[in-house]
Amino acid sequence: ISHSGEWVTASVSETPVGIDIETFDRQRDFIA
């Protein structure tokens, strides 16, 4: 399961899975 801002996502399987979501509205020191 993952969520960011107004969005939520999930994945389901019989084998291991990983999911991640990020919105583009958050400003950070990306290079650092």
PDB file of all heavy atoms in Angstrom:
ATOM      1  N   ILE A   1       0.851  -1.191   0.000  1.00  0.00           N
ATOM      2  CA  ILE A   1       0.000   0.000   0.000  1.00  0.00           C
ATOM      3  C   ILE A   1       0.883   1.235   0.000  1.00  0.00           C
ATOM      4  O   ILE A   1       1.933   1.264   0.649  1.00  0.00           O
ATOM      5  CB  ILE A   1      -0.911   0.031   1.244  1.00  0.00           C
ATOM      6  CG1 ILE A   1      -1.815  -1.198   1.309  1.00  0.00           C
ATOM      7  CG2 ILE A   1      -1.752   1.307   1.268  1.00  0.00           C
ATOM      8  CD1 ILE A   1      -2.531  -1.350   2.645  1.00  0.00           C
ATOM      9  N   SER A   2       0.449   2.274  -0.708  1.00  0.00           N
ATOM     10  CA  SER A   2       1.162   3.549  -0.670  1.00  0.00           C
ATOM     11  C   SER A   2       0.165   4.675  -0.898  1.00  0.00           C
ATOM     12  O   SER A   2      -0.872   4.487  -1.536  1.00  0.00           O
ATOM     13  CB  SER A   2       2.265   3.583  -1.734  1.00  0.00           C
ATOM     14  OG  SER A   2       2.992   4.801  -1.674  1.00  0.00           O
ATOM     15  N   HIS A   3       0.476   5.856  -0.381  1.00  0.00           N
ATOM     16  CA  HIS A   3      -0.386   7.013  -0.580  1.00  0.00           C
ATOM     17  C   HIS A   3       0.460   8.274  -0.587  1.00  0.00           C
ATOM     18  O   HIS A   3       1.518   8.356   0.040  1.00  0.00           O
ATOM     19  CB  HIS A   3      -1.462   7.106   0.505  1.00  0.00           C
ATOM     20  CG  HIS A   3      -0.994   6.732   1.869  1.00  0.00           C
ATOM     21  ND1 HIS A   3      -0.136   7.521   2.614  1.00  0.00           N
ATOM     22  CD2 HIS A   3      -1.239   5.629   2.616  1.00  0.00           C
ATOM     23  CE1 HIS A   3       0.108   6.927   3.767  1.00  0.00           C
ATOM     24  NE2 HIS A   3      -0.531   5.779   3.792  1.00  0.00           N
ATOM     25  N   SER A   4      -0.017   9.255  -1.313  1.00  0.00           N
ATOM     26  CA  SER A   4       0.658  10.549  -1.386  1.00  0.00           C
ATOM     27  C   SER A   4      -0.374  11.590  -1.783  1.00  0.00           C
ATOM     28  O   SER A   4      -1.041  11.446  -2.814  1.00  0.00           O
ATOM     29  CB  SER A   4       1.799  10.523  -2.401  1.00  0.00           C
ATOM     30  OG  SER A   4       2.474  11.768  -2.467  1.00  0.00           O
ATOM     31  N   GLY A   5      -0.519  12.619  -0.960  1.00  0.00           N
ATOM     32  CA  GLY A   5      -1.497  13.651  -1.263  1.00  0.00           C
ATOM     33  C   GLY A   5      -2.891  13.081  -1.376  1.00  0.00           C
ATOM     34  O   GLY A   5      -3.381  12.424  -0.466  1.00  0.00           O
ATOM     35  N   GLU A   6      -3.512  13.305  -2.514  1.00  0.00           N
ATOM     36  CA  GLU A   6      -4.889  12.854  -2.727  1.00  0.00           C
ATOM     37  C   GLU A   6      -4.985  11.517  -3.448  1.00  0.00           C
ATOM     38  O   GLU A   6      -6.061  11.150  -3.922  1.00  0.00           O
ATOM     39  CB  GLU A   6      -5.650  13.920  -3.529  1.00  0.00           C
ATOM     40  CG  GLU A   6      -5.949  15.177  -2.735  1.00  0.00           C
ATOM     41  CD  GLU A   6      -6.807  14.888  -1.500  1.00  0.00           C
ATOM     42  OE1 GLU A   6      -7.845  14.223  -1.641  1.00  0.00           O
ATOM     43  OE2 GLU A   6      -6.416  15.320  -0.409  1.00  0.00           O
ATOM     44  N   TRP A   7      -3.867  10.775  -3.523  1.00  0.00           N
ATOM     45  CA  TRP A   7      -3.879   9.509  -4.252  1.00  0.00           C
ATOM     46  C   TRP A   7      -3.457   8.348  -3.365  1.00  0.00           C
ATOM     47  O   TRP A   7      -2.580   8.484  -2.516  1.00  0.00           O
ATOM     48  CB  TRP A   7      -2.954   9.591  -5.475  1.00  0.00           C
ATOM     49  CG  TRP A   7      -3.414  10.581  -6.480  1.00  0.00           C
ATOM     50  CD1 TRP A   7      -2.961  11.867  -6.650  1.00  0.00           C
ATOM     51  CD2 TRP A   7      -4.454  10.404  -7.443  1.00  0.00           C
ATOM     52  NE1 TRP A   7      -3.641  12.487  -7.661  1.00  0.00           N
ATOM     53  CE2 TRP A   7      -4.567  11.620  -8.166  1.00  0.00           C
ATOM     54  CE3 TRP A   7      -5.287   9.340  -7.772  1.00  0.00           C
ATOM     55  CZ2 TRP A   7      -5.489  11.784  -9.190  1.00  0.00           C
ATOM     56  CZ3 TRP A   7      -6.202   9.512  -8.795  1.00  0.00           C
ATOM     57  CH2 TRP A   7      -6.299  10.714  -9.496  1.00  0.00           C
ATOM     58  N   VAL A   8      -4.100   7.207  -3.612  1.00  0.00           N
ATOM     59  CA  VAL A   8      -3.798   5.967  -2.883  1.00  0.00           C
ATOM     60  C   VAL A   8      -3.625   4.865  -3.913  1.00  0.00           C
ATOM     61  O   VAL A   8      -4.369   4.798  -4.902  1.00  0.00           O
ATOM     62  CB  VAL A   8      -4.938   5.596  -1.909  1.00  0.00           C
ATOM     63  CG1 VAL A   8      -4.605   4.313  -1.155  1.00  0.00           C
ATOM     64  CG2 VAL A   8      -5.209   6.738  -0.936  1.00  0.00           C
ATOM     65  N   THR A   9      -2.637   4.008  -3.700  1.00  0.00           N
ATOM     66  CA  THR A   9      -2.443   2.871  -4.599  1.00  0.00           C
ATOM     67  C   THR A   9      -2.148   1.617  -3.788  1.00  0.00           C
ATOM     68  O   THR A   9      -1.688   1.691  -2.643  1.00  0.00           O
ATOM     69  CB  THR A   9      -1.291   3.145  -5.591  1.00  0.00           C
ATOM     70  OG1 THR A   9      -1.245   2.088  -6.554  1.00  0.00           O
ATOM     71  CG2 THR A   9       0.044   3.217  -4.893  1.00  0.00           C
ATOM     72  N   ALA A  10      -2.430   0.472  -4.379  1.00  0.00           N
ATOM     73  CA  ALA A  10      -2.164  -0.805  -3.724  1.00  0.00           C
ATOM     74  C   ALA A  10      -1.893  -1.862  -4.781  1.00  0.00           C
ATOM     75  O   ALA A  10      -2.305  -1.729  -5.936  1.00  0.00           O
ATOM     76  CB  ALA A  10      -3.353  -1.229  -2.851  1.00  0.00           C
ATOM     77  N   SER A  11      -1.191  -2.907  -4.368  1.00  0.00           N
ATOM     78  CA  SER A  11      -0.932  -4.055  -5.245  1.00  0.00           C
ATOM     79  C   SER A  11      -1.173  -5.331  -4.471  1.00  0.00           C
ATOM     80  O   SER A  11      -0.959  -5.384  -3.255  1.00  0.00           O
ATOM     81  CB  SER A  11       0.500  -4.021  -5.791  1.00  0.00           C
ATOM     82  OG  SER A  11       1.437  -3.998  -4.734  1.00  0.00           O
ATOM     83  N   VAL A  12      -1.614  -6.360  -5.195  1.00  0.00           N
ATOM     84  CA  VAL A  12      -1.945  -7.659  -4.606  1.00  0.00           C
ATOM     85  C   VAL A  12      -1.432  -8.749  -5.530  1.00  0.00           C
ATOM     86  O   VAL A  12      -1.591  -8.666  -6.748  1.00  0.00           O
ATOM     87  CB  VAL A  12      -3.477  -7.801  -4.419  1.00  0.00           C
ATOM     88  CG1 VAL A  12      -3.836  -9.222  -4.007  1.00  0.00           C
ATOM     89  CG2 VAL A  12      -3.999  -6.810  -3.389  1.00  0.00           C
ATOM     90  N   SER A  13      -0.813  -9.788  -4.949  1.00  0.00           N
ATOM     91  CA  SER A  13      -0.279 -10.884  -5.752  1.00  0.00           C
ATOM     92  C   SER A  13      -0.032 -12.100  -4.860  1.00  0.00           C
ATOM     93  O   SER A  13      -0.051 -11.995  -3.636  1.00  0.00           O
ATOM     94  CB  SER A  13       1.034 -10.450  -6.415  1.00  0.00           C
ATOM     95  OG  SER A  13       1.598 -11.499  -7.176  1.00  0.00           O
ATOM     96  N   GLU A  14       0.205 -13.235  -5.503  1.00  0.00           N
ATOM     97  CA  GLU A  14       0.614 -14.425  -4.744  1.00  0.00           C
ATOM     98  C   GLU A  14       2.122 -14.466  -4.545  1.00  0.00           C
ATOM     99  O   GLU A  14       2.631 -15.357  -3.870  1.00  0.00           O
ATOM    100  CB  GLU A  14       0.131 -15.693  -5.453  1.00  0.00           C
ATOM    101  CG  GLU A  14      -1.358 -15.952  -5.281  1.00  0.00           C
ATOM    102  CD  GLU A  14      -1.754 -17.346  -5.773  1.00  0.00           C
ATOM    103  OE1 GLU A  14      -0.977 -18.292  -5.574  1.00  0.00           O
ATOM    104  OE2 GLU A  14      -2.846 -17.461  -6.347  1.00  0.00           O
ATOM    105  N   THR A  15       2.847 -13.536  -5.140  1.00  0.00           N
ATOM    106  CA  THR A  15       4.293 -13.434  -4.958  1.00  0.00           C
ATOM    107  C   THR A  15       4.611 -12.053  -4.384  1.00  0.00           C
ATOM    108  O   THR A  15       3.813 -11.109  -4.530  1.00  0.00           O
ATOM    109  CB  THR A  15       5.034 -13.636  -6.287  1.00  0.00           C
ATOM    110  OG1 THR A  15       4.568 -12.679  -7.239  1.00  0.00           O
ATOM    111  CG2 THR A  15       4.810 -15.051  -6.820  1.00  0.00           C
ATOM    112  N   PRO A  16       5.766 -11.873  -3.741  1.00  0.00           N
ATOM    113  CA  PRO A  16       6.075 -10.588  -3.097  1.00  0.00           C
ATOM    114  C   PRO A  16       6.029  -9.410  -4.056  1.00  0.00           C
ATOM    115  O   PRO A  16       6.531  -9.476  -5.181  1.00  0.00           O
ATOM    116  CB  PRO A  16       7.494 -10.814  -2.563  1.00  0.00           C
ATOM    117  CG  PRO A  16       7.574 -12.288  -2.316  1.00  0.00           C
ATOM    118  CD  PRO A  16       6.795 -12.902  -3.441  1.00  0.00           C
ATOM    119  N   VAL A  17       5.409  -8.330  -3.601  1.00  0.00           N
ATOM    120  CA  VAL A  17       5.274  -7.112  -4.393  1.00  0.00           C
ATOM    121  C   VAL A  17       5.584  -5.897  -3.527  1.00  0.00           C
ATOM    122  O   VAL A  17       5.472  -5.944  -2.303  1.00  0.00           O
ATOM    123  CB  VAL A  17       3.853  -6.952  -4.990  1.00  0.00           C
ATOM    124  CG1 VAL A  17       3.587  -7.973  -6.069  1.00  0.00           C
ATOM    125  CG2 VAL A  17       2.801  -7.032  -3.889  1.00  0.00           C
ATOM    126  N   GLY A  18       5.969  -4.824  -4.179  1.00  0.00           N
ATOM    127  CA  GLY A  18       6.141  -3.552  -3.501  1.00  0.00           C
ATOM    128  C   GLY A  18       5.656  -2.443  -4.409  1.00  0.00           C
ATOM    129  O   GLY A  18       5.908  -2.477  -5.618  1.00  0.00           O
ATOM    130  N   ILE A  19       4.942  -1.470  -3.855  1.00  0.00           N
ATOM    131  CA  ILE A  19       4.424  -0.374  -4.667  1.00  0.00           C
ATOM    132  C   ILE A  19       4.643   0.938  -3.939  1.00  0.00           C
ATOM    133  O   ILE A  19       4.624   0.989  -2.697  1.00  0.00           O
ATOM    134  CB  ILE A  19       2.930  -0.584  -5.003  1.00  0.00           C
ATOM    135  CG1 ILE A  19       2.523   0.261  -6.222  1.00  0.00           C
ATOM    136  CG2 ILE A  19       2.025  -0.273  -3.808  1.00  0.00           C
ATOM    137  CD1 ILE A  19       1.222  -0.176  -6.863  1.00  0.00           C
ATOM    138  N   ASP A  20       4.878   1.994  -4.703  1.00  0.00           N
ATOM    139  CA  ASP A  20       5.056   3.314  -4.104  1.00  0.00           C
ATOM    140  C   ASP A  20       4.521   4.372  -5.049  1.00  0.00           C
ATOM    141  O   ASP A  20       4.655   4.257  -6.277  1.00  0.00           O
ATOM    142  CB  ASP A  20       6.532   3.579  -3.806  1.00  0.00           C
ATOM    143  CG  ASP A  20       6.711   4.756  -2.865  1.00  0.00           C
ATOM    144  OD1 ASP A  20       6.190   4.692  -1.726  1.00  0.00           O
ATOM    145  OD2 ASP A  20       7.353   5.743  -3.249  1.00  0.00           O
ATOM    146  N   ILE A  21       3.905   5.408  -4.479  1.00  0.00           N
ATOM    147  CA  ILE A  21       3.368   6.526  -5.254  1.00  0.00           C
ATOM    148  C   ILE A  21       3.851   7.825  -4.641  1.00  0.00           C
ATOM    149  O   ILE A  21       3.973   7.940  -3.413  1.00  0.00           O
ATOM    150  CB  ILE A  21       1.820   6.488  -5.302  1.00  0.00           C
ATOM    151  CG1 ILE A  21       1.274   7.570  -6.243  1.00  0.00           C
ATOM    152  CG2 ILE A  21       1.202   6.617  -3.914  1.00  0.00           C
ATOM    153  CD1 ILE A  21      -0.227   7.443  -6.520  1.00  0.00           C
ATOM    154  N   GLU A  22       4.164   8.782  -5.483  1.00  0.00           N
ATOM    155  CA  GLU A  22       4.544  10.119  -5.026  1.00  0.00           C
ATOM    156  C   GLU A  22       3.898  11.148  -5.949  1.00  0.00           C
ATOM    157  O   GLU A  22       3.941  11.014  -7.168  1.00  0.00           O
ATOM    158  CB  GLU A  22       6.060  10.318  -5.030  1.00  0.00           C
ATOM    159  CG  GLU A  22       6.813   9.547  -3.965  1.00  0.00           C
ATOM    160  CD  GLU A  22       6.643  10.112  -2.563  1.00  0.00           C
ATOM    161  OE1 GLU A  22       6.116  11.249  -2.430  1.00  0.00           O
ATOM    162  OE2 GLU A  22       7.035   9.425  -1.605  1.00  0.00           O
ATOM    163  N   THR A  23       3.292  12.176  -5.349  1.00  0.00           N
ATOM    164  CA  THR A  23       2.795  13.308  -6.128  1.00  0.00           C
ATOM    165  C   THR A  23       3.928  14.305  -6.327  1.00  0.00           C
ATOM    166  O   THR A  23       4.943  14.270  -5.625  1.00  0.00           O
ATOM    167  CB  THR A  23       1.616  13.984  -5.411  1.00  0.00           C
ATOM    168  OG1 THR A  23       2.019  14.358  -4.084  1.00  0.00           O
ATOM    169  CG2 THR A  23       0.424  13.039  -5.323  1.00  0.00           C
ATOM    170  N   PHE A  24       3.746  15.207  -7.274  1.00  0.00           N
ATOM    171  CA  PHE A  24       4.797  16.150  -7.627  1.00  0.00           C
ATOM    172  C   PHE A  24       4.649  17.515  -6.951  1.00  0.00           C
ATOM    173  O   PHE A  24       5.325  18.467  -7.324  1.00  0.00           O
ATOM    174  CB  PHE A  24       4.816  16.361  -9.149  1.00  0.00           C
ATOM    175  CG  PHE A  24       5.079  15.106  -9.931  1.00  0.00           C
ATOM    176  CD1 PHE A  24       4.227  14.726 -10.961  1.00  0.00           C
ATOM    177  CD2 PHE A  24       6.161  14.301  -9.643  1.00  0.00           C
ATOM    178  CE1 PHE A  24       4.469  13.577 -11.697  1.00  0.00           C
ATOM    179  CE2 PHE A  24       6.416  13.143 -10.370  1.00  0.00           C
ATOM    180  CZ  PHE A  24       5.565  12.786 -11.396  1.00  0.00           C
ATOM    181  N   ASP A  25       3.773  17.602  -5.947  1.00  0.00           N
ATOM    182  CA  ASP A  25       3.488  18.916  -5.371  1.00  0.00           C
ATOM    183  C   ASP A  25       4.410  19.294  -4.214  1.00  0.00           C
ATOM    184  O   ASP A  25       4.391  20.431  -3.756  1.00  0.00           O
ATOM    185  CB  ASP A  25       2.025  18.988  -4.906  1.00  0.00           C
ATOM    186  CG  ASP A  25       1.668  17.870  -3.932  1.00  0.00           C
ATOM    187  OD1 ASP A  25       2.521  17.001  -3.684  1.00  0.00           O
ATOM    188  OD2 ASP A  25       0.525  17.883  -3.434  1.00  0.00           O
ATOM    189  N   ARG A  26       5.233  18.374  -3.744  1.00  0.00           N
ATOM    190  CA  ARG A  26       6.094  18.660  -2.599  1.00  0.00           C
ATOM    191  C   ARG A  26       7.497  19.032  -3.059  1.00  0.00           C
ATOM    192  O   ARG A  26       8.144  18.278  -3.782  1.00  0.00           O
ATOM    193  CB  ARG A  26       6.149  17.459  -1.662  1.00  0.00           C
ATOM    194  CG  ARG A  26       6.908  17.725  -0.378  1.00  0.00           C
ATOM    195  CD  ARG A  26       6.830  16.534   0.546  1.00  0.00           C
ATOM    196  NE  ARG A  26       7.581  16.759   1.768  1.00  0.00           N
ATOM    197  CZ  ARG A  26       7.737  15.869   2.746  1.00  0.00           C
ATOM    198  NH1 ARG A  26       7.158  14.680   2.634  1.00  0.00           N
ATOM    199  NH2 ARG A  26       8.445  16.151   3.815  1.00  0.00           N
ATOM    200  N   GLN A  27       7.968  20.198  -2.624  1.00  0.00           N
ATOM    201  CA  GLN A  27       9.294  20.668  -2.986  1.00  0.00           C
ATOM    202  C   GLN A  27      10.304  20.258  -1.914  1.00  0.00           C
ATOM    203  O   GLN A  27      10.044  20.388  -0.722  1.00  0.00           O
ATOM    204  CB  GLN A  27       9.285  22.198  -3.133  1.00  0.00           C
ATOM    205  CG  GLN A  27      10.493  22.758  -3.865  1.00  0.00           C
ATOM    206  CD  GLN A  27      10.523  22.355  -5.339  1.00  0.00           C
ATOM    207  OE1 GLN A  27       9.476  22.254  -5.983  1.00  0.00           O
ATOM    208  NE2 GLN A  27      11.714  22.134  -5.877  1.00  0.00           N
ATOM    209  N   ARG A  28      11.455  19.740  -2.352  1.00  0.00           N
ATOM    210  CA  ARG A  28      12.513  19.309  -1.439  1.00  0.00           C
ATOM    211  C   ARG A  28      13.865  19.722  -2.011  1.00  0.00           C
ATOM    212  O   ARG A  28      13.944  20.191  -3.146  1.00  0.00           O
ATOM    213  CB  ARG A  28      12.498  17.780  -1.261  1.00  0.00           C
ATOM    214  CG  ARG A  28      11.255  17.210  -0.616  1.00  0.00           C
ATOM    215  CD  ARG A  28      11.290  15.697  -0.640  1.00  0.00           C
ATOM    216  NE  ARG A  28      10.244  15.091   0.157  1.00  0.00           N
ATOM    217  CZ  ARG A  28      10.045  13.780   0.269  1.00  0.00           C
ATOM    218  NH1 ARG A  28      10.811  12.939  -0.399  1.00  0.00           N
ATOM    219  NH2 ARG A  28       9.083  13.307   1.021  1.00  0.00           N
ATOM    220  N   ASP A  29      14.908  19.529  -1.201  1.00  0.00           N
ATOM    221  CA  ASP A  29      16.266  19.692  -1.715  1.00  0.00           C
ATOM    222  C   ASP A  29      16.631  18.364  -2.380  1.00  0.00           C
ATOM    223  O   ASP A  29      17.273  17.494  -1.784  1.00  0.00           O
ATOM    224  CB  ASP A  29      17.238  20.039  -0.592  1.00  0.00           C
ATOM    225  CG  ASP A  29      18.619  20.420  -1.112  1.00  0.00           C
ATOM    226  OD1 ASP A  29      18.927  20.081  -2.280  1.00  0.00           O
ATOM    227  OD2 ASP A  29      19.390  21.026  -0.356  1.00  0.00           O
ATOM    228  N   PHE A  30      16.204  18.212  -3.632  1.00  0.00           N
ATOM    229  CA  PHE A  30      16.270  16.922  -4.301  1.00  0.00           C
ATOM    230  C   PHE A  30      17.703  16.409  -4.444  1.00  0.00           C
ATOM    231  O   PHE A  30      17.956  15.220  -4.230  1.00  0.00           O
ATOM    232  CB  PHE A  30      15.598  17.004  -5.673  1.00  0.00           C
ATOM    233  CG  PHE A  30      14.139  17.342  -5.613  1.00  0.00           C
ATOM    234  CD1 PHE A  30      13.658  18.515  -6.173  1.00  0.00           C
ATOM    235  CD2 PHE A  30      13.241  16.490  -4.996  1.00  0.00           C
ATOM    236  CE1 PHE A  30      12.314  18.826  -6.130  1.00  0.00           C
ATOM    237  CE2 PHE A  30      11.891  16.789  -4.934  1.00  0.00           C
ATOM    238  CZ  PHE A  30      11.427  17.974  -5.500  1.00  0.00           C
ATOM    239  N   ILE A  31      18.625  17.264  -4.785  1.00  0.00           N
ATOM    240  CA  ILE A  31      20.001  16.824  -4.992  1.00  0.00           C
ATOM    241  C   ILE A  31      20.625  16.373  -3.675  1.00  0.00           C
ATOM    242  O   ILE A  31      21.315  15.339  -3.622  1.00  0.00           O
ATOM    243  CB  ILE A  31      20.841  17.946  -5.639  1.00  0.00           C
ATOM    244  CG1 ILE A  31      20.294  18.280  -7.032  1.00  0.00           C
ATOM    245  CG2 ILE A  31      22.308  17.519  -5.725  1.00  0.00           C
ATOM    246  CD1 ILE A  31      20.330  17.132  -8.013  1.00  0.00           C
ATOM    247  N   ALA A  32      20.379  17.109  -2.601  1.00  0.00           N
ATOM    248  CA  ALA A  32      20.940  16.733  -1.297  1.00  0.00           C
ATOM    249  C   ALA A  32      20.426  15.366  -0.856  1.00  0.00           C
ATOM    250  O   ALA A  32      21.190  14.532  -0.355  1.00  0.00           O
ATOM    251  CB  ALA A  32      20.600  17.797  -0.252  1.00  0.00           C
TER     252      ALA A  32
END
